[in-house]
Structure formats: structure tokens, C-alpha cells
Protein backbone atom coordinates (compact mmCIF):
# COMPACT_ATOMS: atom_id res chain seq x y z
CA UNK A 1 -28.22 11.13 8.66
CA UNK A 2 -29.49 7.96 6.93
CA UNK A 3 -32.94 8.22 8.49
CA UNK A 4 -33.48 11.41 6.45
CA UNK A 5 -32.96 9.55 3.15
CA UNK A 6 -36.19 9.03 1.18
CA UNK A 7 -36.39 5.28 0.59
CA UNK A 8 -39.68 5.49 -1.31
CA UNK A 9 -38.07 6.68 -4.56
CA UNK A 10 -39.12 4.67 -7.63
CA UNK A 11 -38.82 4.71 -11.39
CA UNK A 12 -41.37 3.59 -13.99
CA UNK A 13 -40.64 0.56 -16.17
CA UNK A 14 -40.64 2.54 -19.42
CA UNK A 15 -38.35 5.25 -18.05
CA UNK A 16 -36.08 2.61 -16.55
CA UNK A 17 -35.74 0.75 -19.85
CA UNK A 18 -34.97 3.90 -21.85
CA UNK A 19 -32.50 5.24 -19.29
CA UNK A 20 -30.79 1.86 -18.90
CA UNK A 21 -30.19 1.60 -22.63
CA UNK A 22 -28.64 5.08 -22.81
CA UNK A 23 -26.47 4.69 -19.74
CA UNK A 24 -25.31 1.21 -20.75
CA UNK A 25 -24.12 2.47 -24.12
CA UNK A 26 -22.37 5.42 -22.49
CA UNK A 27 -20.74 3.24 -19.83
CA UNK A 28 -19.33 0.85 -22.41
CA UNK A 29 -17.77 3.78 -24.27
CA UNK A 30 -16.33 5.29 -21.09
CA UNK A 31 -14.77 1.98 -20.10
CA UNK A 32 -12.91 1.88 -23.42
CA UNK A 33 -11.84 5.52 -23.13
CA UNK A 34 -10.56 5.04 -19.59
CA UNK A 35 -8.61 1.99 -20.68
CA UNK A 36 -7.00 3.96 -23.51
CA UNK A 37 -6.26 6.84 -21.13
CA UNK A 38 -4.69 4.48 -18.58
CA UNK A 39 -7.09 5.43 -15.77
CA UNK A 40 -7.43 2.81 -12.99
CA UNK A 41 -10.94 2.52 -11.49
CA UNK A 42 -12.17 1.08 -8.19
CA UNK A 43 -15.91 0.76 -7.55
CA UNK A 44 -16.95 -0.11 -4.00
CA UNK A 45 -20.38 -1.54 -3.12
CA UNK A 46 -21.23 -1.36 0.58
CA UNK A 47 -24.53 -1.27 2.45
CA UNK A 48 -27.00 -3.37 4.38
CA UNK A 49 -27.44 -7.10 3.87
CA UNK A 50 -30.01 -7.95 1.14
CA UNK A 51 -29.83 -4.39 -0.23
CA UNK A 52 -29.08 -5.83 -3.67
CA UNK A 53 -25.32 -5.41 -4.09
CA UNK A 54 -24.97 -8.59 -6.15
CA UNK A 55 -27.93 -7.69 -8.37
CA UNK A 56 -26.60 -4.18 -8.99
CA UNK A 57 -23.10 -5.41 -9.81
CA UNK A 58 -24.55 -7.86 -12.33
CA UNK A 59 -26.56 -5.11 -13.99
CA UNK A 60 -23.57 -2.77 -14.00
CA UNK A 61 -21.18 -5.13 -15.75
CA UNK A 62 -23.59 -6.32 -18.48
CA UNK A 63 -22.68 -3.62 -21.04
CA UNK A 64 -18.95 -3.65 -20.26
CA UNK A 65 -16.08 -5.60 -21.79
CA UNK A 66 -15.37 -8.44 -19.30
CA UNK A 67 -11.68 -8.35 -20.23
CA UNK A 68 -11.39 -4.94 -18.59
CA UNK A 69 -12.70 -5.58 -15.08
CA UNK A 70 -12.52 -7.96 -12.12
CA UNK A 71 -15.17 -8.42 -9.43
CA UNK A 72 -14.05 -9.33 -5.91
CA UNK A 73 -16.80 -10.77 -3.72
CA UNK A 74 -16.84 -9.87 -0.04
CA UNK A 75 -15.73 -13.27 1.18
CA UNK A 76 -14.41 -13.83 4.66
CA UNK A 77 -10.72 -13.33 5.35
CA UNK A 78 -8.68 -16.39 4.35
CA UNK A 79 -6.06 -17.91 6.64
CA UNK A 80 -3.36 -16.51 4.37
CA UNK A 81 -4.82 -13.00 4.65
CA UNK A 82 -5.44 -13.28 8.39
CA UNK A 83 -1.70 -13.61 8.92
CA UNK A 84 -0.93 -10.38 7.08
CA UNK A 85 -1.69 -6.68 7.72
CA UNK A 86 -5.35 -5.80 7.17
CA UNK A 87 -4.80 -3.73 3.99
CA UNK A 88 -2.64 -6.40 2.34
CA UNK A 89 -5.65 -8.19 0.80
CA UNK A 90 -6.83 -4.93 -0.80
CA UNK A 91 -3.50 -3.42 -1.85
CA UNK A 92 -2.72 -6.60 -3.78
CA UNK A 93 -6.07 -6.30 -5.61
CA UNK A 94 -5.71 -2.66 -6.66
CA UNK A 95 -6.10 -2.19 -10.44
CA UNK A 96 -3.43 -1.52 -13.02
CA UNK A 97 -3.73 1.57 -15.20
CA UNK A 98 -6.70 1.26 -17.53
CA UNK A 99 -8.27 -1.57 -15.53
CA UNK A 100 -11.38 -1.66 -13.31
CA UNK A 101 -11.89 -3.51 -10.02
CA UNK A 102 -15.32 -3.86 -8.41
CA UNK A 103 -15.57 -4.76 -4.72
CA UNK A 104 -18.74 -6.35 -3.34
CA UNK A 105 -17.91 -5.34 0.24
CA UNK A 106 -14.46 -4.03 0.89
CA UNK A 107 -11.95 -2.72 3.42
CA UNK A 108 -14.90 -1.14 5.23
CA UNK A 109 -15.80 -4.50 6.77
CA UNK A 110 -13.25 -3.74 9.54
CA UNK A 111 -15.36 -0.82 10.79
CA UNK A 112 -18.75 -2.35 9.97
CA UNK A 113 -19.45 -6.09 10.27
CA UNK A 114 -16.16 -6.83 12.06
CA UNK A 115 -16.83 -4.00 14.49
CA UNK A 116 -20.41 -5.16 15.06
CA UNK A 117 -19.20 -8.74 15.70
CA UNK A 118 -16.46 -7.57 18.08
CA UNK A 119 -13.59 -8.66 15.81
CA UNK A 120 -12.50 -5.03 15.56
CA UNK A 121 -12.29 -3.65 19.08
CA UNK A 122 -13.74 -0.21 19.78
CA UNK A 123 -10.30 1.12 20.72
CA UNK A 124 -9.02 0.11 17.26
CA UNK A 125 -11.73 1.85 15.21
CA UNK A 126 -9.91 5.19 14.99
CA UNK A 127 -6.75 3.51 13.67
CA UNK A 128 -8.75 1.48 11.14
CA UNK A 129 -10.45 4.60 9.79
CA UNK A 130 -7.09 6.39 9.63
CA UNK A 131 -5.61 3.51 7.64
CA UNK A 132 -8.61 3.37 5.27
CA UNK A 133 -8.44 7.09 4.52
CA UNK A 134 -4.69 6.86 3.96
CA UNK A 135 -5.18 3.90 1.58
CA UNK A 136 -7.78 5.76 -0.49
CA UNK A 137 -5.83 9.02 -0.54
CA UNK A 138 -2.63 7.35 -1.71
CA UNK A 139 -4.45 5.64 -4.57
CA UNK A 140 -6.38 8.72 -5.71
CA UNK A 141 -3.24 10.86 -5.50
CA UNK A 142 -1.70 8.38 -7.93
CA UNK A 143 -4.62 8.73 -10.37
CA UNK A 144 -7.04 5.98 -9.33
CA UNK A 145 -10.76 6.83 -9.47
CA UNK A 146 -12.56 5.50 -6.38
CA UNK A 147 -16.37 5.40 -6.59
CA UNK A 148 -18.05 4.38 -3.31
CA UNK A 149 -21.70 3.35 -3.30
CA UNK A 150 -23.72 2.68 -0.14
CA UNK A 151 -26.95 0.72 -0.73
CA UNK A 152 -29.54 1.58 1.90
CA UNK A 153 -32.79 -0.17 2.81
CA UNK A 154 -34.97 -0.02 5.92
CA UNK A 155 -35.14 -2.60 8.70
CA UNK A 156 -38.56 -3.77 7.54
CA UNK A 157 -37.49 -4.11 3.91
CA UNK A 158 -34.39 -6.06 4.93
CA UNK A 159 -36.45 -8.43 7.09
CA UNK A 160 -38.86 -9.02 4.21
CA UNK A 161 -36.00 -9.80 1.80
CA UNK A 162 -34.29 -12.16 4.26
CA UNK A 163 -37.54 -14.08 4.68
CA UNK A 164 -38.00 -14.31 0.90
CA UNK A 165 -34.47 -15.60 0.44
CA UNK A 166 -34.92 -18.26 3.09
CA UNK A 167 -38.09 -19.60 1.44
CA UNK A 168 -36.15 -20.82 -1.58
CA UNK A 169 -33.68 -23.70 -1.38
CA UNK A 170 -31.59 -21.98 -4.05
CA UNK A 171 -31.10 -18.78 -2.05
CA UNK A 172 -31.37 -19.97 1.56
CA UNK A 173 -27.57 -20.17 1.89
CA UNK A 174 -27.32 -16.42 1.36
CA UNK A 175 -28.83 -15.63 4.77
CA UNK A 176 -27.09 -16.62 8.00
CA UNK A 177 -27.54 -16.01 11.71
CA UNK A 178 -25.19 -13.01 11.62
CA UNK A 179 -27.49 -11.37 9.04
CA UNK A 180 -30.51 -11.86 11.28
CA UNK A 181 -28.60 -10.55 14.28
CA UNK A 182 -27.75 -7.36 12.41
CA UNK A 183 -31.42 -7.00 11.44
CA UNK A 184 -32.53 -7.53 15.04
CA UNK A 185 -30.01 -4.90 16.22
CA UNK A 186 -30.53 -2.75 13.13
CA UNK A 187 -30.30 0.56 15.00
CA UNK A 188 -26.92 -0.27 16.52
CA UNK A 189 -25.55 -1.38 13.16
CA UNK A 190 -27.10 1.70 11.54
CA UNK A 191 -25.13 3.98 13.89
CA UNK A 192 -21.88 2.22 12.95
CA UNK A 193 -22.66 2.71 9.26
CA UNK A 194 -23.48 6.38 9.79
CA UNK A 195 -20.24 6.97 11.66
CA UNK A 196 -18.28 5.24 8.91
CA UNK A 197 -19.95 7.32 6.20
CA UNK A 198 -19.35 10.59 8.03
CA UNK A 199 -15.70 9.89 8.79
CA UNK A 200 -14.70 8.56 5.37
CA UNK A 201 -16.68 10.83 3.06
CA UNK A 202 -13.64 12.61 1.62
CA UNK A 203 -13.39 14.86 -1.39
CA UNK A 204 -10.98 12.46 -3.07
CA UNK A 205 -13.25 9.44 -2.39
CA UNK A 206 -16.83 10.55 -1.59
CA UNK A 207 -19.76 8.31 -0.73
CA UNK A 208 -23.02 8.19 -2.69
CA UNK A 209 -26.09 6.92 -0.86
CA UNK A 210 -28.21 4.67 -3.09
CA UNK A 211 -31.88 4.38 -2.17
CA UNK A 212 -32.20 0.65 -2.83
CA UNK A 213 -35.83 -0.22 -2.03
CA UNK A 214 -36.71 -0.01 -5.72
CA UNK A 215 -34.02 -2.00 -7.52
CA UNK A 216 -34.62 -0.32 -10.88
CA UNK A 217 -34.26 3.14 -9.36
CA UNK A 218 -31.03 2.01 -7.65
CA UNK A 219 -29.64 0.70 -10.94
CA UNK A 220 -30.17 3.97 -12.78
CA UNK A 221 -28.74 6.06 -9.95
CA UNK A 222 -25.65 3.85 -9.75
CA UNK A 223 -25.07 4.14 -13.50
CA UNK A 224 -25.56 7.90 -13.43
CA UNK A 225 -23.02 8.27 -10.63
CA UNK A 226 -20.42 6.08 -12.32
CA UNK A 227 -20.89 7.69 -15.74
CA UNK A 228 -20.55 11.17 -14.23
CA UNK A 229 -17.42 10.19 -12.28
CA UNK A 230 -15.69 8.67 -15.31
CA UNK A 231 -16.61 11.61 -17.55
CA UNK A 232 -15.18 14.02 -14.96
CA UNK A 233 -11.97 12.01 -14.66
CA UNK A 234 -11.47 11.86 -18.43
CA UNK A 235 -11.99 15.61 -18.69
CA UNK A 236 -9.56 16.16 -15.82
CA UNK A 237 -6.94 14.02 -17.56
CA UNK A 238 -7.46 15.81 -20.88
CA UNK A 239 -6.98 19.18 -19.19
CA UNK A 240 -3.86 17.93 -17.39
CA UNK A 241 -2.39 16.58 -20.63
CA UNK A 242 -3.01 19.91 -22.35
CA UNK A 243 -1.28 21.79 -19.50
CA UNK A 244 1.73 19.49 -19.69
CA UNK A 245 1.96 19.93 -23.45
CA UNK A 246 1.77 23.71 -23.09
CA UNK A 247 4.42 23.71 -20.35
CA UNK A 248 6.67 21.51 -22.45
CA UNK A 249 6.31 23.78 -25.45
CA UNK A 250 7.01 26.87 -23.33
CA UNK A 251 10.08 25.23 -21.80
CA UNK A 252 11.42 24.30 -25.25
CA UNK A 253 11.38 27.96 -26.28
CA UNK A 254 13.56 28.98 -23.36
CA UNK A 255 17.30 28.45 -23.14
CA UNK A 256 18.08 25.17 -21.35
CA UNK A 257 19.17 25.57 -17.75
CA UNK A 258 21.25 23.16 -15.72
CA UNK A 259 19.02 21.53 -13.14
CA UNK A 260 20.02 19.50 -10.10
CA UNK A 261 17.12 17.11 -9.43
CA UNK A 262 18.22 16.73 -5.82
CA UNK A 263 17.70 20.46 -5.31
CA UNK A 264 14.12 20.44 -6.65
CA UNK A 265 11.98 21.97 -3.92
CA UNK A 266 15.14 23.60 -2.58
CA UNK A 267 13.62 25.65 0.22
CA UNK A 268 11.98 22.61 1.78
CA UNK A 269 15.06 20.44 1.30
CA UNK A 270 17.19 23.09 2.99
CA UNK A 271 14.93 22.92 6.04
CA UNK A 272 15.80 19.23 6.46
CA UNK A 273 19.46 19.50 5.47
CA UNK A 274 21.08 18.53 8.75
CA UNK A 275 23.96 16.64 7.14
CA UNK A 276 23.22 13.37 8.91
CA UNK A 277 25.70 11.26 6.99
CA UNK A 278 28.60 13.66 7.34
CA UNK A 279 28.54 13.15 11.11
CA UNK A 280 28.87 9.35 10.98
CA UNK A 281 32.09 7.93 12.46
CA UNK A 282 33.35 5.54 9.80
CA UNK A 283 36.51 4.62 11.70
CA UNK A 284 34.62 2.01 13.75
CA UNK A 285 35.94 -1.48 13.10
CA UNK A 286 36.42 -5.02 14.44
CA UNK A 287 39.40 -7.33 14.04
CA UNK A 288 38.84 -10.71 12.45
CA UNK A 289 39.02 -12.72 15.69
CA UNK A 290 36.48 -10.59 17.53
CA UNK A 291 34.27 -10.55 14.45
CA UNK A 292 34.16 -14.35 14.18
CA UNK A 293 33.41 -14.79 17.88
CA UNK A 294 30.57 -12.28 17.88
CA UNK A 295 29.19 -13.45 14.53
CA UNK A 296 28.89 -17.08 15.63
CA UNK A 297 27.08 -16.17 18.86
CA UNK A 298 24.69 -13.77 17.14
CA UNK A 299 23.86 -16.16 14.31
CA UNK A 300 23.00 -18.96 16.75
CA UNK A 301 20.87 -16.58 18.81
CA UNK A 302 18.99 -15.26 15.81
CA UNK A 303 18.23 -18.83 14.74
CA UNK A 304 16.63 -19.54 18.14
CA UNK A 305 14.73 -16.24 18.10
CA UNK A 306 13.35 -17.04 14.66
CA UNK A 307 11.59 -20.09 16.10
CA UNK A 308 10.05 -17.99 18.87
CA UNK A 309 8.91 -15.38 16.35
CA UNK A 310 7.12 -18.08 14.40
CA UNK A 311 5.39 -19.54 17.45
CA UNK A 312 4.26 -16.08 18.59
CA UNK A 313 3.27 -15.10 15.03
CA UNK A 314 5.42 -11.97 14.95
CA UNK A 315 6.20 -10.74 11.40
CA UNK A 316 9.51 -9.01 10.65
CA UNK A 317 10.39 -6.56 7.87
CA UNK A 318 14.08 -5.74 7.38
CA UNK A 319 14.89 -3.09 4.78
CA UNK A 320 18.43 -2.59 3.47
CA UNK A 321 19.54 0.54 1.67
CA UNK A 322 22.98 2.08 1.25
CA UNK A 323 25.68 3.10 -1.14
CA UNK A 324 26.60 0.79 -4.04
CA UNK A 325 29.21 -1.66 -2.68
CA UNK A 326 28.15 -0.70 0.84
CA UNK A 327 27.90 -4.35 1.90
CA UNK A 328 24.16 -5.02 1.83
CA UNK A 329 24.55 -8.46 0.27
CA UNK A 330 27.22 -9.53 2.76
CA UNK A 331 25.15 -8.36 5.73
CA UNK A 332 22.03 -10.17 4.44
CA UNK A 333 24.02 -13.37 3.85
CA UNK A 334 25.31 -13.42 7.44
CA UNK A 335 21.88 -12.54 8.76
CA UNK A 336 20.13 -15.44 7.02
CA UNK A 337 22.76 -18.17 7.46
CA UNK A 338 21.10 -19.69 10.56
CA UNK A 339 17.47 -18.92 9.70
CA UNK A 340 15.00 -21.62 8.67
CA UNK A 341 14.65 -21.07 4.89
CA UNK A 342 10.92 -21.89 5.13
CA UNK A 343 10.38 -18.85 7.33
CA UNK A 344 12.07 -16.02 5.46
CA UNK A 345 12.38 -14.55 1.97
CA UNK A 346 14.89 -12.12 0.51
CA UNK A 347 13.41 -9.72 -2.05
CA UNK A 348 16.00 -7.99 -4.26
CA UNK A 349 14.51 -4.82 -5.72
CA UNK A 350 15.44 -3.76 -9.23
CA UNK A 351 13.81 -1.43 -11.72
CA UNK A 352 10.04 -2.09 -11.92
CA UNK A 353 8.91 -4.42 -14.70
CA UNK A 354 6.06 -3.68 -17.10
CA UNK A 355 3.39 -5.03 -14.74
CA UNK A 356 4.76 -3.14 -11.74
CA UNK A 357 4.98 0.11 -13.70
CA UNK A 358 1.21 0.22 -14.27
CA UNK A 359 0.45 -0.08 -10.55
CA UNK A 360 1.00 2.26 -7.62
CA UNK A 361 4.71 2.18 -6.73
CA UNK A 362 3.97 0.58 -3.32
CA UNK A 363 1.95 -2.25 -4.89
CA UNK A 364 4.93 -4.50 -5.57
CA UNK A 365 6.17 -4.16 -1.99
CA UNK A 366 2.77 -4.88 -0.48
CA UNK A 367 2.76 -8.14 -2.47
CA UNK A 368 5.90 -9.22 -0.60
CA UNK A 369 4.95 -8.27 2.95
CA UNK A 370 5.51 -11.27 5.25
CA UNK A 371 2.96 -13.46 6.96
CA UNK A 372 2.82 -13.35 10.74
CA UNK A 373 5.80 -15.32 12.06
CA UNK A 374 7.83 -14.87 8.87
CA UNK A 375 10.67 -12.53 7.91
CA UNK A 376 10.84 -10.44 4.74
CA UNK A 377 14.23 -8.96 3.85
CA UNK A 378 14.29 -6.27 1.18
CA UNK A 379 17.57 -5.59 -0.63
CA UNK A 380 16.67 -2.09 -1.84
CA UNK A 381 13.18 -0.90 -1.06
CA UNK A 382 10.28 1.51 -1.52
CA UNK A 383 12.75 4.30 -0.66
CA UNK A 384 13.87 4.28 -4.27
CA UNK A 385 11.02 6.74 -4.84
CA UNK A 386 12.80 9.45 -2.81
CA UNK A 387 16.31 8.60 -4.03
CA UNK A 388 17.00 7.18 -7.49
CA UNK A 389 13.53 8.00 -8.91
CA UNK A 390 13.80 11.54 -7.58
CA UNK A 391 17.32 12.12 -8.88
CA UNK A 392 16.86 10.45 -12.26
CA UNK A 393 13.48 12.11 -12.87
CA UNK A 394 11.54 8.82 -12.98
CA UNK A 395 8.79 10.42 -10.90
CA UNK A 396 7.51 13.97 -10.59
CA UNK A 397 8.44 16.39 -7.83
CA UNK A 398 4.90 16.14 -6.51
CA UNK A 399 5.16 12.33 -6.39
CA UNK A 400 8.42 12.09 -4.46
CA UNK A 401 7.41 14.86 -2.05
CA UNK A 402 4.23 13.07 -0.99
CA UNK A 403 6.07 9.72 -0.81
CA UNK A 404 7.51 10.51 2.64
CA UNK A 405 4.04 10.55 4.17
CA UNK A 406 2.87 7.56 2.12
CA UNK A 407 5.83 5.48 3.26
CA UNK A 408 5.44 6.49 6.90
CA UNK A 409 1.76 5.54 6.76
CA UNK A 410 2.51 2.16 5.20
CA UNK A 411 5.12 1.36 7.83
CA UNK A 412 2.81 2.51 10.63
CA UNK A 413 0.07 0.19 9.36
CA UNK A 414 2.50 -2.75 9.28
CA UNK A 415 3.80 -2.11 12.79
CA UNK A 416 0.25 -1.65 14.11
CA UNK A 417 -0.33 -5.21 12.90
CA UNK A 418 2.49 -6.28 15.23
CA UNK A 419 5.46 -6.36 12.88
CA UNK A 420 9.04 -5.45 13.66
CA UNK A 421 10.24 -2.97 11.03
CA UNK A 422 13.93 -2.07 10.90
CA UNK A 423 15.61 -0.04 8.14
CA UNK A 424 19.38 -0.12 7.64
CA UNK A 425 21.43 2.45 5.76
CA UNK A 426 24.89 0.96 5.12
CA UNK A 427 27.22 3.93 4.99
CA UNK A 428 30.70 4.07 3.49
CA UNK A 429 32.78 7.01 2.31
CA UNK A 430 33.62 7.82 -1.27
CA UNK A 431 37.20 6.55 -1.07
CA UNK A 432 36.08 3.19 0.31
CA UNK A 433 33.51 2.85 -2.44
CA UNK A 434 36.13 3.51 -5.11
CA UNK A 435 38.43 0.92 -3.53
CA UNK A 436 35.66 -1.69 -3.55
CA UNK A 437 34.65 -0.86 -7.11
CA UNK A 438 38.23 -1.40 -8.32
CA UNK A 439 38.52 -4.62 -6.34
CA UNK A 440 35.39 -5.93 -8.02
CA UNK A 441 36.69 -5.02 -11.47
CA UNK A 442 39.99 -6.77 -10.82
CA UNK A 443 38.46 -9.95 -9.33
CA UNK A 444 36.86 -12.24 -11.97
CA UNK A 445 34.42 -13.80 -9.48
CA UNK A 446 33.18 -10.34 -8.46
CA UNK A 447 33.05 -8.55 -11.81
CA UNK A 448 29.31 -9.26 -12.15
CA UNK A 449 28.75 -7.01 -9.14
CA UNK A 450 30.01 -3.85 -10.89
CA UNK A 451 28.15 -2.11 -13.73
CA UNK A 452 28.40 1.12 -15.68
CA UNK A 453 25.37 2.31 -13.71
CA UNK A 454 27.34 2.01 -10.47
CA UNK A 455 29.94 4.42 -11.82
CA UNK A 456 27.24 6.81 -13.07
CA UNK A 457 25.60 6.81 -9.64
CA UNK A 458 28.97 7.49 -8.03
CA UNK A 459 29.28 10.66 -10.11
CA UNK A 460 26.08 11.87 -8.40
CA UNK A 461 27.31 11.18 -4.87
CA UNK A 462 26.55 14.68 -3.55
CA UNK A 463 23.03 14.63 -4.99
CA UNK A 464 22.35 11.26 -3.40
CA UNK A 465 23.74 12.39 -0.06
CA UNK A 466 21.33 15.35 -0.04
CA UNK A 467 18.40 13.03 -0.75
CA UNK A 468 19.48 10.44 1.82
CA UNK A 469 19.90 13.05 4.57
CA UNK A 470 16.34 14.26 3.96
CA UNK A 471 15.00 10.72 3.76
CA UNK A 472 16.59 9.65 7.03
CA UNK A 473 15.19 12.61 8.94
CA UNK A 474 11.70 12.54 7.47
CA UNK A 475 11.09 8.79 7.67
CA UNK A 476 12.93 7.61 10.80
CA UNK A 477 10.09 7.02 13.24
CA UNK A 478 9.70 5.43 16.66
CA UNK A 479 7.84 2.52 15.06
CA UNK A 480 10.14 2.06 12.02
CA UNK A 481 13.56 3.58 12.78
CA UNK A 482 16.51 4.02 10.48
CA UNK A 483 19.75 2.47 11.72
CA UNK A 484 22.84 4.00 10.16
CA UNK A 485 25.49 1.29 9.90
CA UNK A 486 29.12 2.39 9.80
CA UNK A 487 30.20 0.08 6.99
CA UNK A 488 33.78 1.00 6.02
CA UNK A 489 34.60 -2.06 8.10
CA UNK A 490 32.55 -4.97 6.77
CA UNK A 491 33.13 -6.92 9.98
CA UNK A 492 31.79 -4.10 12.13
CA UNK A 493 28.81 -3.51 9.84
CA UNK A 494 27.71 -7.16 9.79
CA UNK A 495 27.90 -7.48 13.55
CA UNK A 496 26.01 -4.22 14.11
CA UNK A 497 23.19 -5.37 11.82
CA UNK A 498 22.86 -8.69 13.65
CA UNK A 499 23.06 -7.06 17.08
CA UNK A 500 20.32 -4.60 16.12
CA UNK A 501 18.05 -7.34 14.78
CA UNK A 502 18.60 -9.58 17.81
CA UNK A 503 17.90 -6.72 20.22
CA UNK A 504 14.67 -5.77 18.42
CA UNK A 505 13.50 -9.40 18.30
CA UNK A 506 14.18 -9.98 21.99
CA UNK A 507 12.29 -6.84 23.00
CA UNK A 508 9.29 -7.68 20.79
CA UNK A 509 9.13 -11.27 22.01
CA UNK A 510 9.23 -10.10 25.64
CA UNK A 511 6.50 -7.54 24.91
CA UNK A 512 4.19 -10.10 23.26
CA UNK A 513 4.75 -12.66 26.02
CA UNK A 514 3.98 -10.05 28.69
CA UNK A 515 0.66 -9.24 26.97
CA UNK A 516 -0.30 -12.91 26.89
CA UNK A 517 0.10 -13.29 30.67
């Protein structure tokens, strides 16, 4: 593949200067237009060492407004990042709408330099490529433009550039023994690059090979590619906006029809409508004495297990969803009472703020994923996309439909890193909810817990139940299962949550210890 690329391509100085001036002016304009249109942009520079990535990035950003972009250098993984899932360091750097992020080396290091150095094992390459493609697809589906540039030079050219860099005290630090090793074993590294290019050259995020022997030629080709990509995206957005305006105008001319958001995509929803919640036995309960005895034992055990989790560097993600007044707060309080506060964090999820709204909906959750050995507890979660956002129309039908796969992929990536992921749905019936709502209203110390929104949501009980049934079936996986908690009895619910967490921790600890032997 790469050996067929013509690396002798050049451009004359006069032509380069004229073309650079035109493309620079155009690029500056497109940056402003993309910012106004709210289009997020990611530009990825990959390629062989000494191919000129730094030089090309410097030339690229010269005509642009520095307030509108950030450049992330391909530094080694920090200790903080090493203790988190691989994609964490990139998800947290994804751009907001209208912003641009440039990566000098990127998530591809896992299947390139890390693979070459043996950090990524051969048996893990397929999973890494799967995760990378999922990452890029989720972002482009959400409207991010991803431009991937691969700078290519020959073995001889690379060797010459390394030698030139080493001659100067100012640039000697830029070449290390790993660089020389990759040059010595150029053909082996070349095959890894070719495999990566072939397996990740997707329509939604294609690769462009940049012949980088002549730096001026490379500069002009890079600018042409980026200008063309941004022009195409702006045209695509304009066409989409026109279609939406036309559809809105056409809809306004028709008589309004009652629409149940939970029934959007009815035929598909019907396929999954197995009435999961209606089959839950809510009569399960515990008396106070049995509850206290079990609670004390479980809380002490979970405190001891927390220490083992930390020593073995096992991360834990606990997600709590359920009906309003279902008992999420009470369950979380009992769960955390014996945990070391330095090793866990509870993340209450409310409506996204202004910063969160201009990012991919999963961005804010990726920012709170735990380090290895720590526990993250989410009170409400990313599942809001397929429940409240779906029902209230805060996202499109296309967005909530693809969210099932996006969420499954995120959870699979986290568990592949070694995390325990448990998801609890605290289930109560409608009568019990009404009783708890009234109790809150009549108790001064609990009145803050009840809002008008709670009553509005209660009026949509049947719509929510339809959405929850579909969510439970489509996103309960072997690696991240849903646990339905019968919560009419608070005592029973709290004990079941703790028992489930303890059981999962004990199994994971035993599994990790067995692997270490």
C-alpha cells in the first residue's frame, strides 16, 4: 500500500508561496464560518518520526485565530491517564461546538508505537481498533468533523533527518533510542502502519496520505485537504438546515396531531416491548431487625473490599437509575457509609450546563470515569438520553436510537480496561411513588426533595415505562448488566444493592488474583 506512494512529489517555491497565501486566507475564513455554524473539528496528525508533523502544524495554525483551536502534543501517557480507560484522555479533549482540536499523534499510538514496543499486546489489537472506530463514529455521528492526515517518508529520508536533528544541541532531544529502533526495523513498523490505515479508513473518518519528503508540497496538500473538508461540512450543514426549515414549514401547514414521544419509532419499540417492569415482584421486603443485621455486615465487608480493590487497581462504576422517589439517594448513602472517602466520588447528574451542552452527550460522563482502584457512583446517568431526553424531545429520534449502541460500546470499553460496571434500576409502583411524594410534601425536612417536575414526570409514567423496558433489554449486557431492584421496601432495596455490589467485587478480586498467580 504505502510503498506505491510517490514520495518524490515537489512544488516550486513560487507556486508554493502563491498557493499558501490563497489557502491561508480561505482557511481563516472557514475557521470563522465553522465557529459560527457550531461545527466541532478534530485534525489528527500521524505518521513516521521526523516526517514533519510539528512543522506542518505550525504552518497550519499561522493564519487561524488562536482563540479557536487547541493543539495537543503526542506526549507519553501520564500516571493519571494510565489509571483510566485508554480513550479517557481523548474523550476529555474532544472539542466543543465551533471549536478545533489538533492532535500531534493521537489515539492511534495504541496500535502503532505502543504495539511496536509491546505495550499493546497482539491479542489486544483487534479490540483497540474496534474501540477507535467506535470513538470516531460516535463523534462524527454527533456532527464532529474528523480529518486524519498520515505523513509518510522513506526509511532513508527518516534516517537522514534523525542524523540532522542529532547534530544540533537544540534539536538533539527530539530523537531517542526508540526512534532509531523504529528506523532500524522500519519494515516491521511500516506493516503496522499499513494495517492501521486499512482497518480505520472509514467513510466517516477517512485517512489522507501526505507525501512528506518535500515539506512545502506537504503543507499545500494538507491545507487543500482541510479546506475541502470544511467546505463540504459547511455545505452539508446548510443543506440540512434548509431541509429542517422546509419540514418545519410543511408541518406548520398541517393540523397538529397528538404525538407520544415514547412511541416514536413504534415498530422497533414494539419488537422490544417485553414488559420487563410489569413482571417485577414488588412485594419483597425485610423487617427492620433483619435489615439492620444484614446492613451492618454488608457495610463492613464492602469497606474491606474497597481496600483490596485499591491495592489491585480495580475501578468500579455504579450507575443508579429509577423512578423519582425510588430510593436512589438512600441506597447510595448506605453504600458509601463505610467507604474511604478518598477512594470514591458520587456524581449527581442534572440537566447539562452550557459547557456540557456544546459537547457530545457522553463527554461529561467520561470526565468522571474513575481511576483504577477508585469507585465512581452516578446518581442518574448517560441513560437520560434514552429516557427523559427521548420523551421530552431534547434529542432527535435518530440520536436516541443510536444511543443504545453508543452506550454499550462505552461500557464495553470501560470493562475491557478491567472495571466493574453495575447498573441499578430502583423500581417502585405508582401507588408507592404517590405515597412517598405526599410524605415529602408533608415533612418540612424532606420538602426540598419534591418538585413540580416530579409531578409532571409522574403524569408520563406509562411513557417512561415503555422507554425503560426497551432500555433494560437493549443495554443489559454480560459485561455491564442491569439489576432491577424491588424497591417498594426500602430495607429490601438497600440490602439487595449492597449484596449485589459485594458479590461483584468478590468475584472480580478473585479473578484478578487468579491471573496474578
